[in-house]
């Protein structure tokens, strides 16, 4: 699954909001984040960020469903092999 920079920022921001900035800052170099992504974020509209968030959510759901399908296919193959 490939994510754009804005989608990656969306994930990071969601985690930051979920665990709080104090906890987040203990584990992440906030200055480095700002240096790397500050300009991109400041040049993005709220609508752009919202679209990126929905896009990454859909990509993750698709990936999970795809993974479930692979598991189901493997189980079917294993069952067929066992029955034979």
PDB file of N, CA and C in Angstrom:
ATOM      1  N   UNK A   1       0.856  -1.173   0.000  1.00  0.00           N
ATOM      2  CA  UNK A   1       0.000   0.000   0.000  1.00  0.00           C
ATOM      3  C   UNK A   1       0.902   1.235   0.000  1.00  0.00           C
ATOM      4  N   UNK A   2       0.736   2.054  -0.986  1.00  0.00           N
ATOM      5  CA  UNK A   2       1.503   3.293  -1.103  1.00  0.00           C
ATOM      6  C   UNK A   2       0.660   4.462  -0.589  1.00  0.00           C
ATOM      7  N   UNK A   3       1.276   5.299   0.230  1.00  0.00           N
ATOM      8  CA  UNK A   3       0.605   6.487   0.754  1.00  0.00           C
ATOM      9  C   UNK A   3       1.343   7.732   0.303  1.00  0.00           C
ATOM     10  N   UNK A   4       0.579   8.776   0.015  1.00  0.00           N
ATOM     11  CA  UNK A   4       1.185  10.060  -0.304  1.00  0.00           C
ATOM     12  C   UNK A   4       1.708  10.684   0.993  1.00  0.00           C
ATOM     13  N   UNK A   5       2.515  11.737   0.851  1.00  0.00           N
ATOM     14  CA  UNK A   5       3.022  12.422   2.048  1.00  0.00           C
ATOM     15  C   UNK A   5       1.875  12.974   2.881  1.00  0.00           C
ATOM     16  N   UNK A   6       0.880  13.537   2.212  1.00  0.00           N
ATOM     17  CA  UNK A   6      -0.242  14.113   2.949  1.00  0.00           C
ATOM     18  C   UNK A   6      -1.029  13.021   3.676  1.00  0.00           C
ATOM     19  N   UNK A   7      -1.157  11.854   3.072  1.00  0.00           N
ATOM     20  CA  UNK A   7      -1.832  10.738   3.738  1.00  0.00           C
ATOM     21  C   UNK A   7      -1.031  10.285   4.961  1.00  0.00           C
ATOM     22  N   UNK A   8       0.282  10.238   4.820  1.00  0.00           N
ATOM     23  CA  UNK A   8       1.136   9.858   5.952  1.00  0.00           C
ATOM     24  C   UNK A   8       1.008  10.866   7.086  1.00  0.00           C
ATOM     25  N   UNK A   9       0.971  12.142   6.732  1.00  0.00           N
ATOM     26  CA  UNK A   9       0.796  13.190   7.741  1.00  0.00           C
ATOM     27  C   UNK A   9      -0.545  13.017   8.442  1.00  0.00           C
ATOM     28  N   UNK A  10      -1.560  12.640   7.692  1.00  0.00           N
ATOM     29  CA  UNK A  10      -2.883  12.409   8.256  1.00  0.00           C
ATOM     30  C   UNK A  10      -2.848  11.313   9.319  1.00  0.00           C
ATOM     31  N   UNK A  11      -2.124  10.239   9.037  1.00  0.00           N
ATOM     32  CA  UNK A  11      -1.998   9.143  10.003  1.00  0.00           C
ATOM     33  C   UNK A  11      -1.261   9.623  11.251  1.00  0.00           C
ATOM     34  N   UNK A  12      -0.154  10.316  11.050  1.00  0.00           N
ATOM     35  CA  UNK A  12       0.631  10.826  12.178  1.00  0.00           C
ATOM     36  C   UNK A  12      -0.219  11.773  13.026  1.00  0.00           C
ATOM     37  N   UNK A  13      -0.960  12.642  12.378  1.00  0.00           N
ATOM     38  CA  UNK A  13      -1.813  13.593  13.095  1.00  0.00           C
ATOM     39  C   UNK A  13      -2.894  12.872  13.887  1.00  0.00           C
ATOM     40  N   UNK A  14      -3.481  11.852  13.303  1.00  0.00           N
ATOM     41  CA  UNK A  14      -4.516  11.082  14.002  1.00  0.00           C
ATOM     42  C   UNK A  14      -3.957  10.423  15.259  1.00  0.00           C
ATOM     43  N   UNK A  15      -2.748   9.888  15.150  1.00  0.00           N
ATOM     44  CA  UNK A  15      -2.110   9.270  16.313  1.00  0.00           C
ATOM     45  C   UNK A  15      -1.807  10.329  17.368  1.00  0.00           C
ATOM     46  N   UNK A  16      -1.303  11.474  16.935  1.00  0.00           N
ATOM     47  CA  UNK A  16      -1.010  12.571  17.856  1.00  0.00           C
ATOM     48  C   UNK A  16      -2.261  12.968  18.631  1.00  0.00           C
ATOM     49  N   UNK A  17      -3.367  13.125  17.932  1.00  0.00           N
ATOM     50  CA  UNK A  17      -4.619  13.517  18.577  1.00  0.00           C
ATOM     51  C   UNK A  17      -5.096  12.415  19.529  1.00  0.00           C
ATOM     52  N   UNK A  18      -4.938  11.158  19.118  1.00  0.00           N
ATOM     53  CA  UNK A  18      -5.427  10.041  19.926  1.00  0.00           C
ATOM     54  C   UNK A  18      -4.668   9.886  21.240  1.00  0.00           C
ATOM     55  N   UNK A  19      -3.347  10.050  21.206  1.00  0.00           N
ATOM     56  CA  UNK A  19      -2.566   9.806  22.428  1.00  0.00           C
ATOM     57  C   UNK A  19      -2.167  11.081  23.159  1.00  0.00           C
ATOM     58  N   UNK A  20      -2.343  12.210  22.518  1.00  0.00           N
ATOM     59  CA  UNK A  20      -1.998  13.486  23.137  1.00  0.00           C
ATOM     60  C   UNK A  20      -0.582  13.914  22.806  1.00  0.00           C
ATOM     61  N   UNK A  21      -0.396  15.216  22.708  1.00  0.00           N
ATOM     62  CA  UNK A  21       0.898  15.759  22.289  1.00  0.00           C
ATOM     63  C   UNK A  21       2.006  15.461  23.293  1.00  0.00           C
ATOM     64  N   UNK A  22       1.679  15.456  24.585  1.00  0.00           N
ATOM     65  CA  UNK A  22       2.713  15.196  25.598  1.00  0.00           C
ATOM     66  C   UNK A  22       3.320  13.805  25.432  1.00  0.00           C
ATOM     67  N   UNK A  23       2.479  12.803  25.291  1.00  0.00           N
ATOM     68  CA  UNK A  23       2.961  11.427  25.107  1.00  0.00           C
ATOM     69  C   UNK A  23       3.654  11.296  23.761  1.00  0.00           C
ATOM     70  N   UNK A  24       3.049  11.851  22.734  1.00  0.00           N
ATOM     71  CA  UNK A  24       3.597  11.781  21.375  1.00  0.00           C
ATOM     72  C   UNK A  24       5.002  12.372  21.331  1.00  0.00           C
ATOM     73  N   UNK A  25       5.169  13.530  21.949  1.00  0.00           N
ATOM     74  CA  UNK A  25       6.453  14.249  21.913  1.00  0.00           C
ATOM     75  C   UNK A  25       7.567  13.490  22.631  1.00  0.00           C
ATOM     76  N   UNK A  26       7.206  12.603  23.549  1.00  0.00           N
ATOM     77  CA  UNK A  26       8.214  11.798  24.245  1.00  0.00           C
ATOM     78  C   UNK A  26       8.845  10.764  23.317  1.00  0.00           C
ATOM     79  N   UNK A  27       8.147  10.434  22.246  1.00  0.00           N
ATOM     80  CA  UNK A  27       8.593   9.356  21.362  1.00  0.00           C
ATOM     81  C   UNK A  27       8.951   9.818  19.955  1.00  0.00           C
ATOM     82  N   UNK A  28       8.637  11.051  19.639  1.00  0.00           N
ATOM     83  CA  UNK A  28       8.827  11.562  18.281  1.00  0.00           C
ATOM     84  C   UNK A  28       9.536  12.908  18.341  1.00  0.00           C
ATOM     85  N   UNK A  29      10.443  13.125  17.422  1.00  0.00           N
ATOM     86  CA  UNK A  29      11.153  14.402  17.320  1.00  0.00           C
ATOM     87  C   UNK A  29      10.224  15.415  16.646  1.00  0.00           C
ATOM     88  N   UNK A  30       9.574  16.231  17.456  1.00  0.00           N
ATOM     89  CA  UNK A  30       8.589  17.188  16.946  1.00  0.00           C
ATOM     90  C   UNK A  30       9.229  18.209  16.014  1.00  0.00           C
ATOM     91  N   UNK A  31      10.445  18.624  16.323  1.00  0.00           N
ATOM     92  CA  UNK A  31      11.127  19.605  15.472  1.00  0.00           C
ATOM     93  C   UNK A  31      11.371  19.015  14.082  1.00  0.00           C
ATOM     94  N   UNK A  32      11.788  17.773  14.047  1.00  0.00           N
ATOM     95  CA  UNK A  32      12.033  17.104  12.759  1.00  0.00           C
ATOM     96  C   UNK A  32      10.737  16.998  11.951  1.00  0.00           C
ATOM     97  N   UNK A  33       9.645  16.657  12.624  1.00  0.00           N
ATOM     98  CA  UNK A  33       8.353  16.596  11.929  1.00  0.00           C
ATOM     99  C   UNK A  33       8.006  17.945  11.313  1.00  0.00           C
ATOM    100  N   UNK A  34       8.167  18.985  12.105  1.00  0.00           N
ATOM    101  CA  UNK A  34       7.855  20.334  11.621  1.00  0.00           C
ATOM    102  C   UNK A  34       8.729  20.700  10.434  1.00  0.00           C
ATOM    103  N   UNK A  35      10.016  20.390  10.517  1.00  0.00           N
ATOM    104  CA  UNK A  35      10.932  20.702   9.412  1.00  0.00           C
ATOM    105  C   UNK A  35      10.559  19.943   8.147  1.00  0.00           C
ATOM    106  N   UNK A  36      10.199  18.682   8.306  1.00  0.00           N
ATOM    107  CA  UNK A  36       9.906  17.830   7.152  1.00  0.00           C
ATOM    108  C   UNK A  36       8.547  18.142   6.520  1.00  0.00           C
ATOM    109  N   UNK A  37       7.547  18.378   7.367  1.00  0.00           N
ATOM    110  CA  UNK A  37       6.183  18.436   6.858  1.00  0.00           C
ATOM    111  C   UNK A  37       5.470  19.765   7.058  1.00  0.00           C
ATOM    112  N   UNK A  38       6.086  20.694   7.774  1.00  0.00           N
ATOM    113  CA  UNK A  38       5.433  21.967   8.070  1.00  0.00           C
ATOM    114  C   UNK A  38       4.968  22.713   6.839  1.00  0.00           C
ATOM    115  N   UNK A  39       5.829  22.809   5.834  1.00  0.00           N
ATOM    116  CA  UNK A  39       5.478  23.545   4.620  1.00  0.00           C
ATOM    117  C   UNK A  39       4.329  22.871   3.875  1.00  0.00           C
ATOM    118  N   UNK A  40       4.382  21.550   3.774  1.00  0.00           N
ATOM    119  CA  UNK A  40       3.312  20.827   3.080  1.00  0.00           C
ATOM    120  C   UNK A  40       1.975  21.040   3.777  1.00  0.00           C
ATOM    121  N   UNK A  41       1.987  20.964   5.092  1.00  0.00           N
ATOM    122  CA  UNK A  41       0.752  21.150   5.852  1.00  0.00           C
ATOM    123  C   UNK A  41       0.241  22.577   5.707  1.00  0.00           C
ATOM    124  N   UNK A  42       1.128  23.551   5.788  1.00  0.00           N
ATOM    125  CA  UNK A  42       0.682  24.946   5.696  1.00  0.00           C
ATOM    126  C   UNK A  42       0.185  25.291   4.296  1.00  0.00           C
ATOM    127  N   UNK A  43       0.636  24.561   3.286  1.00  0.00           N
ATOM    128  CA  UNK A  43       0.177  24.800   1.914  1.00  0.00           C
ATOM    129  C   UNK A  43      -1.043  23.965   1.542  1.00  0.00           C
ATOM    130  N   UNK A  44      -1.522  23.146   2.465  1.00  0.00           N
ATOM    131  CA  UNK A  44      -2.679  22.289   2.206  1.00  0.00           C
ATOM    132  C   UNK A  44      -3.920  22.903   2.837  1.00  0.00           C
ATOM    133  N   UNK A  45      -5.021  22.773   2.142  1.00  0.00           N
ATOM    134  CA  UNK A  45      -6.282  23.269   2.689  1.00  0.00           C
ATOM    135  C   UNK A  45      -6.881  22.218   3.618  1.00  0.00           C
ATOM    136  N   UNK A  46      -7.855  22.637   4.391  1.00  0.00           N
ATOM    137  CA  UNK A  46      -8.564  21.702   5.263  1.00  0.00           C
ATOM    138  C   UNK A  46      -9.231  20.612   4.422  1.00  0.00           C
ATOM    139  N   UNK A  47      -9.726  21.013   3.258  1.00  0.00           N
ATOM    140  CA  UNK A  47     -10.363  20.053   2.351  1.00  0.00           C
ATOM    141  C   UNK A  47      -9.342  19.020   1.859  1.00  0.00           C
ATOM    142  N   UNK A  48      -8.126  19.476   1.519  1.00  0.00           N
ATOM    143  CA  UNK A  48      -7.061  18.559   1.090  1.00  0.00           C
ATOM    144  C   UNK A  48      -6.751  17.542   2.184  1.00  0.00           C
ATOM    145  N   UNK A  49      -6.642  18.030   3.404  1.00  0.00           N
ATOM    146  CA  UNK A  49      -6.320  17.151   4.533  1.00  0.00           C
ATOM    147  C   UNK A  49      -7.450  16.154   4.787  1.00  0.00           C
ATOM    148  N   UNK A  50      -8.678  16.617   4.669  1.00  0.00           N
ATOM    149  CA  UNK A  50      -9.831  15.728   4.834  1.00  0.00           C
ATOM    150  C   UNK A  50      -9.854  14.638   3.775  1.00  0.00           C
ATOM    151  N   UNK A  51      -9.582  15.030   2.531  1.00  0.00           N
ATOM    152  CA  UNK A  51      -9.532  14.044   1.443  1.00  0.00           C
ATOM    153  C   UNK A  51      -8.419  13.030   1.677  1.00  0.00           C
ATOM    154  N   UNK A  52      -7.274  13.492   2.150  1.00  0.00           N
ATOM    155  CA  UNK A  52      -6.145  12.594   2.419  1.00  0.00           C
ATOM    156  C   UNK A  52      -6.504  11.605   3.523  1.00  0.00           C
ATOM    157  N   UNK A  53      -7.187  12.085   4.550  1.00  0.00           N
ATOM    158  CA  UNK A  53      -7.589  11.212   5.652  1.00  0.00           C
ATOM    159  C   UNK A  53      -8.545  10.133   5.164  1.00  0.00           C
ATOM    160  N   UNK A  54      -9.534  10.517   4.372  1.00  0.00           N
ATOM    161  CA  UNK A  54     -10.482   9.536   3.840  1.00  0.00           C
ATOM    162  C   UNK A  54      -9.804   8.574   2.872  1.00  0.00           C
ATOM    163  N   UNK A  55      -8.867   9.081   2.101  1.00  0.00           N
ATOM    164  CA  UNK A  55      -8.147   8.243   1.151  1.00  0.00           C
ATOM    165  C   UNK A  55      -7.333   7.168   1.863  1.00  0.00           C
ATOM    166  N   UNK A  56      -6.597   7.559   2.895  1.00  0.00           N
ATOM    167  CA  UNK A  56      -5.785   6.575   3.618  1.00  0.00           C
ATOM    168  C   UNK A  56      -6.686   5.577   4.349  1.00  0.00           C
ATOM    169  N   UNK A  57      -7.802   6.032   4.858  1.00  0.00           N
ATOM    170  CA  UNK A  57      -8.747   5.132   5.513  1.00  0.00           C
ATOM    171  C   UNK A  57      -9.254   4.084   4.523  1.00  0.00           C
ATOM    172  N   UNK A  58      -9.638   4.523   3.336  1.00  0.00           N
ATOM    173  CA  UNK A  58     -10.110   3.586   2.317  1.00  0.00           C
ATOM    174  C   UNK A  58      -9.015   2.625   1.873  1.00  0.00           C
ATOM    175  N   UNK A  59      -7.795   3.124   1.745  1.00  0.00           N
ATOM    176  CA  UNK A  59      -6.677   2.250   1.372  1.00  0.00           C
ATOM    177  C   UNK A  59      -6.441   1.186   2.437  1.00  0.00           C
ATOM    178  N   UNK A  60      -6.532   1.580   3.706  1.00  0.00           N
ATOM    179  CA  UNK A  60      -6.320   0.625   4.790  1.00  0.00           C
ATOM    180  C   UNK A  60      -7.430  -0.419   4.822  1.00  0.00           C
ATOM    181  N   UNK A  61      -8.666   0.014   4.637  1.00  0.00           N
ATOM    182  CA  UNK A  61      -9.787  -0.922   4.614  1.00  0.00           C
ATOM    183  C   UNK A  61      -9.631  -1.893   3.450  1.00  0.00           C
ATOM    184  N   UNK A  62      -9.306  -1.371   2.263  1.00  0.00           N
ATOM    185  CA  UNK A  62      -9.087  -2.240   1.102  1.00  0.00           C
ATOM    186  C   UNK A  62      -7.982  -3.250   1.375  1.00  0.00           C
ATOM    187  N   UNK A  63      -6.909  -2.797   1.994  1.00  0.00           N
ATOM    188  CA  UNK A  63      -5.785  -3.677   2.306  1.00  0.00           C
ATOM    189  C   UNK A  63      -6.203  -4.771   3.289  1.00  0.00           C
ATOM    190  N   UNK A  64      -6.981  -4.404   4.298  1.00  0.00           N
ATOM    191  CA  UNK A  64      -7.465  -5.390   5.264  1.00  0.00           C
ATOM    192  C   UNK A  64      -8.380  -6.406   4.602  1.00  0.00           C
ATOM    193  N   UNK A  65      -9.287  -5.927   3.769  1.00  0.00           N
ATOM    194  CA  UNK A  65     -10.202  -6.832   3.078  1.00  0.00           C
ATOM    195  C   UNK A  65      -9.449  -7.744   2.122  1.00  0.00           C
ATOM    196  N   UNK A  66      -8.456  -7.196   1.456  1.00  0.00           N
ATOM    197  CA  UNK A  66      -7.620  -7.980   0.556  1.00  0.00           C
ATOM    198  C   UNK A  66      -6.884  -9.059   1.350  1.00  0.00           C
ATOM    199  N   UNK A  67      -6.377  -8.692   2.505  1.00  0.00           N
ATOM    200  CA  UNK A  67      -5.689  -9.650   3.372  1.00  0.00           C
ATOM    201  C   UNK A  67      -6.621 -10.743   3.849  1.00  0.00           C
ATOM    202  N   UNK A  68      -7.854 -10.374   4.204  1.00  0.00           N
ATOM    203  CA  UNK A  68      -8.842 -11.367   4.626  1.00  0.00           C
ATOM    204  C   UNK A  68      -9.164 -12.326   3.495  1.00  0.00           C
ATOM    205  N   UNK A  69      -9.248 -11.804   2.286  1.00  0.00           N
ATOM    206  CA  UNK A  69      -9.540 -12.647   1.129  1.00  0.00           C
ATOM    207  C   UNK A  69      -8.412 -13.649   0.913  1.00  0.00           C
ATOM    208  N   UNK A  70      -7.167 -13.211   1.086  1.00  0.00           N
ATOM    209  CA  UNK A  70      -6.024 -14.117   0.943  1.00  0.00           C
ATOM    210  C   UNK A  70      -6.073 -15.215   1.995  1.00  0.00           C
ATOM    211  N   UNK A  71      -6.432 -14.860   3.226  1.00  0.00           N
ATOM    212  CA  UNK A  71      -6.539 -15.849   4.296  1.00  0.00           C
ATOM    213  C   UNK A  71      -7.637 -16.849   3.967  1.00  0.00           C
ATOM    214  N   UNK A  72      -8.786 -16.355   3.509  1.00  0.00           N
ATOM    215  CA  UNK A  72      -9.890 -17.243   3.153  1.00  0.00           C
ATOM    216  C   UNK A  72      -9.486 -18.178   2.017  1.00  0.00           C
ATOM    217  N   UNK A  73      -8.792 -17.648   1.014  1.00  0.00           N
ATOM    218  CA  UNK A  73      -8.342 -18.478  -0.103  1.00  0.00           C
ATOM    219  C   UNK A  73      -7.373 -19.551   0.372  1.00  0.00           C
ATOM    220  N   UNK A  74      -6.448 -19.193   1.253  1.00  0.00           N
ATOM    221  CA  UNK A  74      -5.489 -20.163   1.790  1.00  0.00           C
ATOM    222  C   UNK A  74      -6.188 -21.243   2.600  1.00  0.00           C
ATOM    223  N   UNK A  75      -7.192 -20.850   3.400  1.00  0.00           N
ATOM    224  CA  UNK A  75      -7.937 -21.827   4.189  1.00  0.00           C
ATOM    225  C   UNK A  75      -8.696 -22.777   3.276  1.00  0.00           C
ATOM    226  N   UNK A  76      -9.278 -22.255   2.197  1.00  0.00           N
ATOM    227  CA  UNK A  76      -9.995 -23.091   1.235  1.00  0.00           C
ATOM    228  C   UNK A  76      -9.050 -24.095   0.597  1.00  0.00           C
ATOM    229  N   UNK A  77      -7.885 -23.629   0.195  1.00  0.00           N
ATOM    230  CA  UNK A  77      -6.887 -24.518  -0.420  1.00  0.00           C
ATOM    231  C   UNK A  77      -6.447 -25.585   0.580  1.00  0.00           C
ATOM    232  N   UNK A  78      -6.214 -25.190   1.826  1.00  0.00           N
ATOM    233  CA  UNK A  78      -5.796 -26.154   2.847  1.00  0.00           C
ATOM    234  C   UNK A  78      -6.885 -27.191   3.100  1.00  0.00           C
ATOM    235  N   UNK A  79      -8.143 -26.739   3.143  1.00  0.00           N
ATOM    236  CA  UNK A  79      -9.254 -27.665   3.350  1.00  0.00           C
ATOM    237  C   UNK A  79      -9.374 -28.641   2.188  1.00  0.00           C
ATOM    238  N   UNK A  80      -9.201 -28.152   0.972  1.00  0.00           N
ATOM    239  CA  UNK A  80      -9.283 -29.016  -0.204  1.00  0.00           C
ATOM    240  C   UNK A  80      -8.149 -30.036  -0.196  1.00  0.00           C
ATOM    241  N   UNK A  81      -6.970 -29.617   0.217  1.00  0.00           N
ATOM    242  CA  UNK A  81      -5.810 -30.510   0.275  1.00  0.00           C
ATOM    243  C   UNK A  81      -6.020 -31.575   1.346  1.00  0.00           C
ATOM    244  N   UNK A  82      -6.588 -31.177   2.481  1.00  0.00           N
ATOM    245  CA  UNK A  82      -6.831 -32.104   3.581  1.00  0.00           C
ATOM    246  C   UNK A  82      -7.885 -33.138   3.198  1.00  0.00           C
ATOM    247  N   UNK A  83      -8.902 -32.701   2.466  1.00  0.00           N
ATOM    248  CA  UNK A  83      -9.987 -33.590   2.058  1.00  0.00           C
ATOM    249  C   UNK A  83      -9.544 -34.581   0.993  1.00  0.00           C
ATOM    250  N   UNK A  84      -8.540 -34.233   0.213  1.00  0.00           N
ATOM    251  CA  UNK A  84      -8.107 -35.087  -0.909  1.00  0.00           C
ATOM    252  C   UNK A  84      -7.325 -36.284  -0.479  1.00  0.00           C
TER     253      UNK A  84
END
